Amino acid sequence: MDFELLLRPSPQRDEIDAIIVGINAMAGELESVYQDLDDRVAQRTHQLEQARRQMETLAYSDPLTGLSNRSALMRAIEECLEEFRAGAAAPSLLFLDLDAFKIVNDTHGHAIGDKVLCQLAERLRIDVREGDLIARLGGDEFAILLRSQETGAHALGLRILESINQEMMVDGISLMPGASVGIAVALADHDAERLMLEADTAMYVAKHSSACKVHEFEPYMLLERQEKAALVNDLRVALSLGEMMPVYQGLFRLEDQEIVGAEVLVRWQRPGHGLLSPAAFLVAAEEAGMMGAITEYILDEALRELSEWRERGLVGPEFKVHVNVNSRELHLLGFPDMVRTALLRYGLPTSVLALEITEDKLMSADHLHQYTLKAFRAMGVEVHIDDFGTGYSSIGYLRELAVAGVKIDKKLVDDVATDPQQADLVRAVYSLVSACGLDCVVEGIETPEQAQMLKDIGFKYAQGYLFGKPMSAADFTAGFQSQTMSEE
């Protein structure tokens, strides 16, 4: 706008008119500017509100599944607890954890694992009523907050399990992950953290139950979990300080009762609890993911001891140590390299080592297990099936496994010297295993009659209290002076 032209005096317009016209023109221009500013402020306010909502969505939702996340769940629990204390119905919380989900990731990759989680989220949306909240807590853990008891929590847990146990097809792969569910019902003195702890504790019990995969929280569960946590903590300390103790039990040739090898077992002198056998702590160690570290420590100690025995001429070149391994370690691609490194550290050939894994674990071996077994066979390290004959055997599958031998379970030979039918059964097992070209060791021999019967059947090697109990490295070394190592 040309203000100078509007303000120019003329015969028809005096100076006052010019000023008025100019002011009006400036007012119009300012109004236009203010309107533009208002529009911009409104637009920016809208953008900020959208950004706030997006940030809130990100803060309270799981990016993979679109479910609520832990923060949203905690906020919702606190709201429900406030309503409960004001007279509303008690809320319930369900914790859900997939079984063996790590194996899905390790075997098929994380992309497949993510799709499994998304399918699970969709199934939960179908099973859970609209007013309740579903959250993914991280990994393969989910939670469902029931705002009231109108729908029974236990019944919902069973329904969810039934849904999850249906086959999942993911990129042409058939999967049935399974799950465990823990349930906690709020009490008046609960806060969100306490309710979460109780639901998680109940889920932990369900996960380790073979009978029922849905458990409601009871106070004893928390005490047991706290005791197990203390056990695991003490175990970590013991492992870091090298306090785990390997013990050795001899393997003998039945023909002349000469010692030909030793199984390495583990004991733990736990402060305030005495000497613990593996049954008292290995399950907790496995659950805590510590078995790999324990195995590595025991393997190193056993090979170090064997190296010293060989240097001192106490054992010959054929003497072999047997070390127990966990099935999870067969899933570790670096496990064969760790074993090879330990052997090289002490200058030992691979032929002096045998790894033992229980029959039930090995018979359910997947492709990754078999890859590891073949890697050990290529190295020259033998793998033996422990506790053979406990009910899981598949002779056809046995021939396909890259194993060198089996160790017949004690239960199979307890009555071999007194029960003709049991003797016939053991004889049949020996024939089948021998037909597969595998070595046989019989464990749990306690009487001379058992030893003689097994020798007559054809077994060459045995282990048991008749020949010697597990003993410390020092006692075992001293025992080389006696072929049988029998305790008086």
Protein backbone atom coordinates (compact mmCIF):
# COMPACT_ATOMS: atom_id res chain seq x y z
CA MET A 1 0.00 0.00 0.00
CA ASP A 2 1.33 3.49 -0.98
CA PHE A 3 0.99 5.50 2.26
CA GLU A 4 2.70 8.56 0.74
CA LEU A 5 0.01 8.85 -1.92
CA LEU A 6 -2.77 8.59 0.65
CA LEU A 7 -1.23 11.27 2.86
CA ARG A 8 -0.55 13.81 0.04
CA PRO A 9 -2.63 16.97 0.59
CA SER A 10 -5.18 17.92 -2.07
CA PRO A 11 -7.90 20.43 -2.48
CA GLN A 12 -10.44 17.78 -1.47
CA ARG A 13 -8.53 16.51 1.54
CA ASP A 14 -6.96 18.58 4.30
CA GLU A 15 -4.15 17.43 6.56
CA ILE A 16 -6.47 15.96 9.22
CA ASP A 17 -8.22 13.83 6.63
CA ALA A 18 -4.86 12.62 5.46
CA ILE A 19 -3.85 11.65 9.00
CA ILE A 20 -7.13 9.80 9.60
CA VAL A 21 -6.82 7.92 6.35
CA GLY A 22 -3.23 7.00 7.18
CA ILE A 23 -4.11 5.74 10.64
CA ASN A 24 -6.95 3.64 9.25
CA ALA A 25 -4.64 2.19 6.65
CA MET A 26 -2.03 1.31 9.28
CA ALA A 27 -4.72 -0.25 11.49
CA GLY A 28 -5.83 -2.41 8.62
CA GLU A 29 -2.29 -3.51 7.99
CA LEU A 30 -1.73 -4.28 11.70
CA GLU A 31 -4.96 -6.27 11.84
CA SER A 32 -3.70 -8.35 8.94
CA VAL A 33 -0.39 -8.91 10.72
CA TYR A 34 -2.11 -9.85 14.00
CA GLN A 35 -4.42 -12.28 12.19
CA ASP A 36 -1.41 -13.92 10.59
CA LEU A 37 0.23 -14.19 14.01
CA ASP A 38 -2.93 -15.70 15.50
CA ASP A 39 -3.03 -18.26 12.69
CA ARG A 40 0.60 -19.13 13.23
CA VAL A 41 0.15 -19.43 17.00
CA ALA A 42 -2.90 -21.66 16.52
CA GLN A 43 -0.99 -23.83 14.04
CA ARG A 44 2.03 -24.10 16.33
CA THR A 45 -0.22 -24.88 19.31
CA HIS A 46 -1.85 -27.67 17.30
CA GLN A 47 1.56 -29.03 16.29
CA LEU A 48 2.76 -28.95 19.89
CA GLU A 49 -0.36 -30.79 21.04
CA GLN A 50 0.18 -33.42 18.36
CA ALA A 51 3.82 -33.76 19.42
CA ARG A 52 2.77 -34.08 23.06
CA ARG A 53 0.32 -36.82 22.18
CA GLN A 54 2.95 -38.60 20.11
CA MET A 55 5.44 -38.35 22.95
CA GLU A 56 2.86 -39.71 25.37
CA THR A 57 2.11 -42.55 22.97
CA LEU A 58 5.81 -43.35 22.73
CA ALA A 59 6.22 -43.08 26.48
CA TYR A 60 3.33 -45.41 27.29
CA SER A 61 3.21 -47.92 24.42
CA ASP A 62 5.37 -50.75 23.15
CA PRO A 63 6.72 -49.92 19.68
CA LEU A 64 6.77 -53.54 18.49
CA THR A 65 3.29 -54.74 19.44
CA GLY A 66 1.40 -51.50 19.99
CA LEU A 67 0.40 -52.69 23.47
CA SER A 68 0.87 -50.61 26.59
CA ASN A 69 4.33 -50.70 28.14
CA ARG A 70 5.57 -51.04 31.72
CA SER A 71 5.15 -47.32 32.49
CA ALA A 72 1.53 -47.35 31.34
CA LEU A 73 0.88 -50.51 33.35
CA MET A 74 2.34 -49.06 36.54
CA ARG A 75 0.24 -45.92 36.15
CA ALA A 76 -2.91 -47.97 35.54
CA ILE A 77 -2.23 -50.22 38.54
CA GLU A 78 -1.85 -47.22 40.85
CA GLU A 79 -5.14 -45.79 39.55
CA CYS A 80 -6.91 -49.13 40.14
CA LEU A 81 -5.46 -49.41 43.63
CA GLU A 82 -6.70 -45.93 44.51
CA GLU A 83 -10.18 -46.89 43.31
CA PHE A 84 -9.93 -50.16 45.26
CA ARG A 85 -9.08 -48.33 48.47
CA ALA A 86 -12.05 -46.06 47.81
CA GLY A 87 -14.39 -49.06 47.68
CA ALA A 88 -14.09 -50.49 44.16
CA ALA A 89 -13.44 -54.16 43.41
CA ALA A 90 -9.91 -55.51 43.86
CA PRO A 91 -7.89 -55.59 40.64
CA SER A 92 -5.92 -58.65 39.54
CA LEU A 93 -2.68 -58.83 37.63
CA LEU A 94 -1.62 -61.65 35.32
CA PHE A 95 2.03 -62.12 34.35
CA LEU A 96 2.71 -64.16 31.23
CA ASP A 97 6.07 -65.44 30.00
CA LEU A 98 6.70 -67.53 26.90
CA ASP A 99 8.46 -70.86 27.37
CA ALA A 100 11.76 -71.36 25.54
CA PHE A 101 11.37 -68.14 23.54
CA LYS A 102 15.15 -67.74 23.52
CA ILE A 103 15.40 -70.95 21.52
CA VAL A 104 13.04 -69.45 18.91
CA ASN A 105 15.32 -66.42 18.59
CA ASP A 106 18.50 -68.49 18.56
CA THR A 107 17.17 -71.00 16.05
CA HIS A 108 15.10 -68.85 13.67
CA GLY A 109 16.39 -65.33 14.28
CA HIS A 110 15.04 -62.24 16.02
CA ALA A 111 12.85 -61.23 13.08
CA ILE A 112 10.82 -64.43 13.50
CA GLY A 113 10.80 -63.92 17.26
CA ASP A 114 9.37 -60.42 16.82
CA LYS A 115 6.59 -61.78 14.62
CA VAL A 116 5.77 -64.39 17.26
CA LEU A 117 5.41 -61.60 19.82
CA CYS A 118 3.12 -59.63 17.51
CA GLN A 119 0.92 -62.69 16.91
CA LEU A 120 0.76 -63.27 20.64
CA ALA A 121 -0.29 -59.66 21.18
CA GLU A 122 -3.16 -60.12 18.72
CA ARG A 123 -4.33 -63.27 20.49
CA LEU A 124 -4.27 -61.46 23.82
CA ARG A 125 -6.37 -58.62 22.37
CA ILE A 126 -8.98 -61.21 21.38
CA ASP A 127 -9.00 -63.00 24.74
CA VAL A 128 -8.98 -59.96 27.05
CA ARG A 129 -12.07 -57.80 27.47
CA GLU A 130 -11.95 -54.23 26.23
CA GLY A 131 -11.85 -52.47 29.59
CA ASP A 132 -8.73 -54.27 30.81
CA LEU A 133 -5.15 -53.39 29.99
CA ILE A 134 -2.57 -55.53 28.16
CA ALA A 135 1.09 -54.58 28.40
CA ARG A 136 4.35 -55.89 27.06
CA LEU A 137 6.97 -55.56 29.76
CA GLY A 138 9.94 -56.39 27.57
CA GLY A 139 11.32 -59.46 25.84
CA ASP A 140 8.70 -62.21 25.99
CA GLU A 141 6.99 -60.98 29.17
CA PHE A 142 3.44 -59.64 29.13
CA ALA A 143 0.99 -58.48 31.79
CA ILE A 144 -2.78 -58.15 31.90
CA LEU A 145 -4.48 -55.87 34.42
CA LEU A 146 -8.03 -56.91 35.28
CA ARG A 147 -9.75 -53.92 36.80
CA SER A 148 -12.25 -56.10 38.66
CA GLN A 149 -13.06 -59.72 39.44
CA GLU A 150 -16.10 -59.89 37.15
CA THR A 151 -14.03 -62.10 34.88
CA GLY A 152 -12.16 -64.73 36.90
CA ALA A 153 -8.41 -64.26 36.62
CA HIS A 154 -7.68 -67.99 36.77
CA ALA A 155 -10.24 -68.75 34.07
CA LEU A 156 -8.74 -66.04 31.89
CA GLY A 157 -5.26 -67.44 32.45
CA LEU A 158 -6.39 -70.88 31.29
CA ARG A 159 -8.11 -69.37 28.26
CA ILE A 160 -4.98 -67.44 27.33
CA LEU A 161 -2.84 -70.56 27.62
CA GLU A 162 -5.25 -72.49 25.43
CA SER A 163 -4.99 -69.74 22.83
CA ILE A 164 -1.21 -69.50 22.97
CA ASN A 165 -0.81 -73.27 22.73
CA GLN A 166 -2.43 -73.21 19.30
CA GLU A 167 -0.02 -73.50 16.38
CA MET A 168 1.56 -70.28 15.12
CA MET A 169 2.59 -70.06 11.47
CA VAL A 170 5.34 -67.49 11.01
CA ASP A 171 6.85 -67.18 7.52
CA GLY A 172 6.01 -70.81 6.85
CA ILE A 173 7.48 -72.00 10.15
CA SER A 174 5.20 -73.88 12.54
CA LEU A 175 5.74 -72.83 16.16
CA MET A 176 4.02 -73.64 19.45
CA PRO A 177 5.85 -71.56 22.04
CA GLY A 178 3.75 -72.31 25.13
CA ALA A 179 3.63 -70.02 28.15
CA SER A 180 3.38 -69.77 31.93
CA VAL A 181 0.98 -67.49 33.82
CA GLY A 182 1.19 -66.07 37.33
CA ILE A 183 -1.73 -64.30 39.05
CA ALA A 184 -1.82 -61.86 41.96
CA VAL A 185 -4.90 -60.24 43.51
CA ALA A 186 -4.49 -56.82 45.12
CA LEU A 187 -4.75 -56.36 48.88
CA ALA A 188 -5.43 -53.09 50.68
CA ASP A 189 -1.77 -52.46 51.55
CA HIS A 190 -0.45 -53.21 48.07
CA ASP A 191 1.27 -50.73 45.82
CA ALA A 192 2.03 -51.29 42.15
CA GLU A 193 5.51 -52.68 42.78
CA ARG A 194 4.22 -55.22 45.30
CA LEU A 195 1.46 -56.44 43.01
CA MET A 196 3.97 -56.77 40.16
CA LEU A 197 6.36 -58.72 42.39
CA GLU A 198 3.68 -61.18 43.51
CA ALA A 199 2.40 -61.79 39.97
CA ASP A 200 5.95 -62.30 38.73
CA THR A 201 6.70 -64.70 41.59
CA ALA A 202 3.60 -66.77 40.82
CA MET A 203 4.62 -66.87 37.15
CA TYR A 204 8.08 -68.07 38.17
CA VAL A 205 6.48 -70.98 40.07
CA ALA A 206 4.22 -71.79 37.13
CA LYS A 207 7.19 -71.80 34.77
CA HIS A 208 8.91 -74.50 36.79
CA SER A 209 5.80 -76.60 37.32
CA SER A 210 5.18 -79.63 35.16
CA ALA A 211 1.58 -80.07 36.30
CA CYS A 212 -0.04 -76.65 35.86
CA LYS A 213 1.13 -73.58 33.99
CA VAL A 214 -1.26 -71.17 35.76
CA HIS A 215 -0.50 -70.37 39.40
CA GLU A 216 -2.00 -67.87 41.83
CA PHE A 217 0.35 -66.18 44.27
CA GLU A 218 0.75 -67.58 47.77
CA PRO A 219 3.08 -66.11 50.43
CA TYR A 220 5.37 -69.16 50.60
CA MET A 221 6.32 -68.58 46.96
CA LEU A 222 8.01 -65.29 47.74
CA LEU A 223 10.00 -66.83 50.60
CA GLU A 224 11.24 -69.63 48.35
CA ARG A 225 12.18 -67.14 45.66
CA GLN A 226 14.11 -65.01 48.14
CA GLU A 227 15.97 -68.08 49.36
CA LYS A 228 16.81 -69.04 45.79
CA ALA A 229 17.99 -65.50 45.07
CA ALA A 230 20.31 -65.71 48.08
CA LEU A 231 21.55 -69.08 46.84
CA VAL A 232 22.32 -67.67 43.39
CA ASN A 233 24.07 -64.66 44.88
CA ASP A 234 26.26 -66.89 47.07
CA LEU A 235 26.92 -69.08 44.05
CA ARG A 236 28.15 -66.11 42.01
CA VAL A 237 30.49 -65.14 44.82
CA ALA A 238 31.78 -68.71 45.13
CA LEU A 239 32.39 -68.93 41.41
CA SER A 240 34.23 -65.61 41.30
CA LEU A 241 36.45 -66.72 44.19
CA GLY A 242 37.10 -70.18 42.76
CA GLU A 243 35.35 -71.92 45.64
CA MET A 244 33.55 -74.56 43.56
CA MET A 245 35.20 -77.91 44.20
CA PRO A 246 35.63 -80.59 41.55
CA VAL A 247 35.48 -84.17 42.81
CA TYR A 248 36.49 -87.27 40.89
CA GLN A 249 34.97 -90.72 40.62
CA GLY A 250 36.91 -93.40 38.79
CA LEU A 251 35.83 -95.37 35.73
CA PHE A 252 37.14 -98.94 35.75
CA ARG A 253 37.68 -101.80 33.35
CA LEU A 254 35.62 -104.74 34.59
CA GLU A 255 38.04 -107.37 33.34
CA ASP A 256 40.87 -106.40 35.70
CA GLN A 257 39.32 -103.51 37.69
CA GLU A 258 42.02 -101.15 36.44
CA ILE A 259 41.16 -97.45 36.45
CA VAL A 260 40.87 -96.02 32.93
CA GLY A 261 39.26 -92.64 33.52
CA ALA A 262 37.37 -90.39 35.88
CA GLU A 263 34.09 -88.51 35.89
CA VAL A 264 34.44 -84.97 37.20
CA LEU A 265 31.59 -83.84 39.45
CA VAL A 266 31.11 -80.59 41.34
CA ARG A 267 30.57 -79.81 45.00
CA TRP A 268 30.16 -76.50 46.80
CA GLN A 269 31.16 -75.68 50.37
CA ARG A 270 28.53 -73.02 50.98
CA PRO A 271 29.17 -70.88 54.07
CA GLY A 272 26.68 -71.74 56.78
CA HIS A 273 25.23 -74.66 54.83
CA GLY A 274 28.04 -77.20 54.57
CA LEU A 275 29.07 -79.23 51.52
CA LEU A 276 26.32 -79.16 48.89
CA SER A 277 25.82 -81.77 46.18
CA PRO A 278 24.86 -80.68 42.65
CA ALA A 279 21.19 -81.42 43.32
CA ALA A 280 21.11 -78.56 45.83
CA PHE A 281 22.27 -75.81 43.50
CA LEU A 282 22.60 -76.78 39.83
CA VAL A 283 18.93 -76.18 39.02
CA ALA A 284 19.16 -72.66 40.42
CA ALA A 285 22.44 -72.16 38.58
CA GLU A 286 20.84 -73.22 35.31
CA GLU A 287 17.89 -70.88 35.81
CA ALA A 288 20.31 -68.03 36.54
CA GLY A 289 22.30 -68.73 33.38
CA MET A 290 25.42 -69.72 35.32
CA MET A 291 25.91 -73.26 34.05
CA GLY A 292 28.27 -72.15 31.31
CA ALA A 293 30.60 -70.47 33.79
CA ILE A 294 30.46 -73.46 36.16
CA THR A 295 31.19 -75.92 33.34
CA GLU A 296 34.09 -73.80 32.10
CA TYR A 297 35.56 -73.63 35.59
CA ILE A 298 35.19 -77.38 36.27
CA LEU A 299 36.55 -78.25 32.82
CA ASP A 300 39.60 -76.07 33.36
CA GLU A 301 40.25 -77.57 36.80
CA ALA A 302 39.85 -81.13 35.48
CA LEU A 303 42.22 -80.60 32.55
CA ARG A 304 44.78 -78.91 34.78
CA GLU A 305 44.65 -81.86 37.16
CA LEU A 306 44.88 -84.36 34.31
CA SER A 307 47.89 -82.54 32.91
CA GLU A 308 49.66 -82.87 36.27
CA TRP A 309 48.79 -86.58 36.52
CA ARG A 310 50.22 -87.19 33.08
CA GLU A 311 53.40 -85.23 33.85
CA ARG A 312 53.92 -87.24 37.04
CA GLY A 313 53.33 -90.50 35.23
CA LEU A 314 50.32 -91.38 37.38
CA VAL A 315 48.10 -92.06 34.37
CA GLY A 316 48.74 -93.30 30.88
CA PRO A 317 47.95 -91.57 27.57
CA GLU A 318 44.60 -93.38 27.32
CA PHE A 319 43.26 -92.03 30.62
CA LYS A 320 40.14 -89.95 29.93
CA VAL A 321 38.23 -87.41 32.02
CA HIS A 322 34.45 -87.14 31.66
CA VAL A 323 32.85 -83.72 32.24
CA ASN A 324 29.10 -83.14 32.47
CA VAL A 325 27.64 -80.41 30.26
CA ASN A 326 24.25 -78.77 30.09
CA SER A 327 22.03 -78.84 27.01
CA ARG A 328 22.01 -75.04 26.85
CA GLU A 329 25.75 -75.07 26.24
CA LEU A 330 25.20 -77.08 23.09
CA HIS A 331 23.27 -74.06 21.79
CA LEU A 332 26.36 -71.86 22.16
CA LEU A 333 28.24 -71.72 18.88
CA GLY A 334 31.42 -70.81 20.76
CA PHE A 335 31.27 -73.81 23.11
CA PRO A 336 33.51 -76.11 20.99
CA ASP A 337 36.10 -73.32 20.71
CA MET A 338 36.07 -72.84 24.48
CA VAL A 339 36.75 -76.57 24.96
CA ARG A 340 39.51 -76.54 22.34
CA THR A 341 41.15 -73.54 24.02
CA ALA A 342 41.10 -75.28 27.41
CA LEU A 343 42.77 -78.37 25.96
CA LEU A 344 45.44 -76.28 24.24
CA ARG A 345 46.08 -74.36 27.47
CA TYR A 346 47.35 -77.55 29.10
CA GLY A 347 48.85 -79.14 26.00
CA LEU A 348 46.38 -82.03 26.00
CA PRO A 349 45.09 -83.97 22.99
CA THR A 350 41.35 -83.97 22.34
CA SER A 351 41.22 -87.73 22.90
CA VAL A 352 41.59 -87.33 26.69
CA LEU A 353 38.20 -85.63 27.09
CA ALA A 354 34.64 -86.94 27.01
CA LEU A 355 31.59 -84.74 27.52
CA GLU A 356 28.47 -86.23 29.12
CA ILE A 357 24.94 -84.95 28.60
CA THR A 358 21.81 -86.55 30.02
CA GLU A 359 19.65 -88.69 27.78
CA ASP A 360 16.46 -86.67 28.17
CA LYS A 361 18.22 -83.48 27.01
CA LEU A 362 20.07 -85.09 24.14
CA MET A 363 17.09 -86.98 22.78
CA SER A 364 15.27 -83.67 22.30
CA ALA A 365 18.25 -82.18 20.47
CA ASP A 366 17.54 -79.73 17.66
CA HIS A 367 19.65 -78.81 14.64
CA LEU A 368 21.90 -76.52 16.67
CA HIS A 369 22.57 -79.31 19.16
CA GLN A 370 23.47 -81.66 16.34
CA TYR A 371 25.76 -79.06 14.78
CA THR A 372 27.66 -78.79 18.06
CA LEU A 373 27.83 -82.58 18.46
CA LYS A 374 29.31 -82.91 14.99
CA ALA A 375 31.81 -80.15 15.75
CA PHE A 376 33.05 -82.10 18.77
CA ARG A 377 33.27 -85.30 16.77
CA ALA A 378 35.35 -83.49 14.14
CA MET A 379 37.63 -82.22 16.93
CA GLY A 380 38.09 -85.69 18.37
CA VAL A 381 36.24 -84.96 21.62
CA GLU A 382 33.82 -87.74 22.52
CA VAL A 383 30.25 -87.05 23.63
CA HIS A 384 28.51 -89.66 25.78
CA ILE A 385 24.85 -89.99 26.74
CA ASP A 386 24.44 -89.99 30.52
CA ASP A 387 21.61 -91.71 32.45
CA PHE A 388 20.83 -93.91 29.44
CA GLY A 389 17.80 -96.14 29.87
CA THR A 390 15.67 -93.71 31.89
CA GLY A 391 12.78 -93.87 29.45
CA TYR A 392 13.49 -91.36 26.68
CA SER A 393 15.54 -93.56 24.38
CA SER A 394 14.95 -93.82 20.68
CA ILE A 395 17.34 -96.35 19.20
CA GLY A 396 16.73 -95.03 15.68
CA TYR A 397 17.55 -91.51 16.78
CA LEU A 398 20.52 -92.80 18.76
CA ARG A 399 22.19 -93.94 15.56
CA GLU A 400 21.83 -90.47 14.04
CA LEU A 401 23.47 -88.61 16.92
CA ALA A 402 27.16 -87.81 16.77
CA VAL A 403 27.90 -89.58 20.06
CA ALA A 404 30.61 -92.07 20.98
CA GLY A 405 29.08 -93.90 23.90
CA VAL A 406 26.42 -94.21 26.57
CA LYS A 407 26.42 -94.54 30.33
CA ILE A 408 23.77 -97.01 31.50
CA ASP A 409 21.72 -95.53 34.35
CA LYS A 410 21.95 -97.05 37.82
CA LYS A 411 18.21 -97.70 37.97
CA LEU A 412 18.52 -100.12 35.09
CA VAL A 413 21.13 -102.31 36.81
CA ASP A 414 20.12 -102.18 40.49
CA ASP A 415 18.49 -105.63 40.38
CA VAL A 416 20.53 -107.13 37.57
CA ALA A 417 22.13 -109.75 39.86
CA THR A 418 18.88 -110.84 41.53
CA ASP A 419 16.13 -110.42 38.92
CA PRO A 420 16.43 -112.59 35.77
CA GLN A 421 13.99 -110.38 33.85
CA GLN A 422 16.03 -107.30 34.68
CA ALA A 423 19.17 -109.11 33.58
CA ASP A 424 17.49 -109.96 30.26
CA LEU A 425 16.50 -106.31 29.82
CA VAL A 426 20.04 -105.10 30.49
CA ARG A 427 21.37 -107.74 28.10
CA ALA A 428 19.00 -106.45 25.40
CA VAL A 429 20.06 -102.85 25.99
CA TYR A 430 23.71 -103.86 25.72
CA SER A 431 23.04 -105.64 22.43
CA LEU A 432 21.22 -102.65 20.96
CA VAL A 433 23.86 -100.13 22.03
CA SER A 434 26.67 -102.35 20.79
CA ALA A 435 24.89 -102.76 17.47
CA CYS A 436 24.99 -98.97 17.14
CA GLY A 437 28.77 -99.12 17.53
CA LEU A 438 28.78 -97.21 20.81
CA ASP A 439 30.89 -97.72 23.93
CA CYS A 440 29.09 -98.64 27.16
CA VAL A 441 29.81 -97.67 30.75
CA VAL A 442 27.58 -98.94 33.56
CA GLU A 443 27.16 -96.60 36.53
CA GLY A 444 25.97 -97.26 40.06
CA ILE A 445 27.74 -100.59 40.66
CA GLU A 446 27.65 -101.35 44.38
CA THR A 447 28.16 -105.11 44.74
CA PRO A 448 30.60 -107.71 43.35
CA GLU A 449 27.60 -109.71 42.12
CA GLN A 450 26.43 -106.82 39.96
CA ALA A 451 29.93 -106.36 38.58
CA GLN A 452 30.26 -110.06 37.71
CA MET A 453 26.84 -110.22 36.03
CA LEU A 454 27.55 -107.14 33.92
CA LYS A 455 30.95 -108.49 32.97
CA ASP A 456 29.32 -111.76 31.89
CA ILE A 457 26.80 -109.83 29.76
CA GLY A 458 29.70 -108.18 27.94
CA PHE A 459 30.11 -104.76 29.52
CA LYS A 460 33.74 -103.62 29.64
CA TYR A 461 33.62 -100.49 31.82
CA ALA A 462 31.86 -99.58 35.05
CA GLN A 463 31.60 -96.92 37.72
CA GLY A 464 30.17 -97.03 41.23
CA TYR A 465 30.71 -97.16 44.96
CA LEU A 466 32.07 -100.71 44.67
CA PHE A 467 35.18 -99.23 43.08
CA GLY A 468 35.26 -95.80 44.69
CA LYS A 469 33.16 -92.85 45.78
CA PRO A 470 33.63 -89.31 44.46
CA MET A 471 36.63 -87.73 46.17
CA SER A 472 38.73 -84.60 46.14
CA ALA A 473 41.60 -84.20 43.69
CA ALA A 474 44.12 -84.79 46.48
CA ASP A 475 42.45 -87.99 47.66
CA PHE A 476 41.92 -89.20 44.12
CA THR A 477 45.59 -88.62 43.31
CA ALA A 478 46.63 -90.58 46.39
CA GLY A 479 44.21 -93.30 45.40
CA PHE A 480 46.19 -94.13 42.28
CA GLN A 481 48.28 -96.31 44.60
CA SER A 482 45.24 -98.60 44.85
CA GLN A 483 43.66 -99.93 41.70
CA THR A 484 40.17 -100.18 43.12
CA MET A 485 40.23 -97.02 45.29
CA SER A 486 37.76 -98.79 47.58
CA GLU A 487 37.04 -97.07 50.88
CA GLU A 488 37.62 -99.22 53.91
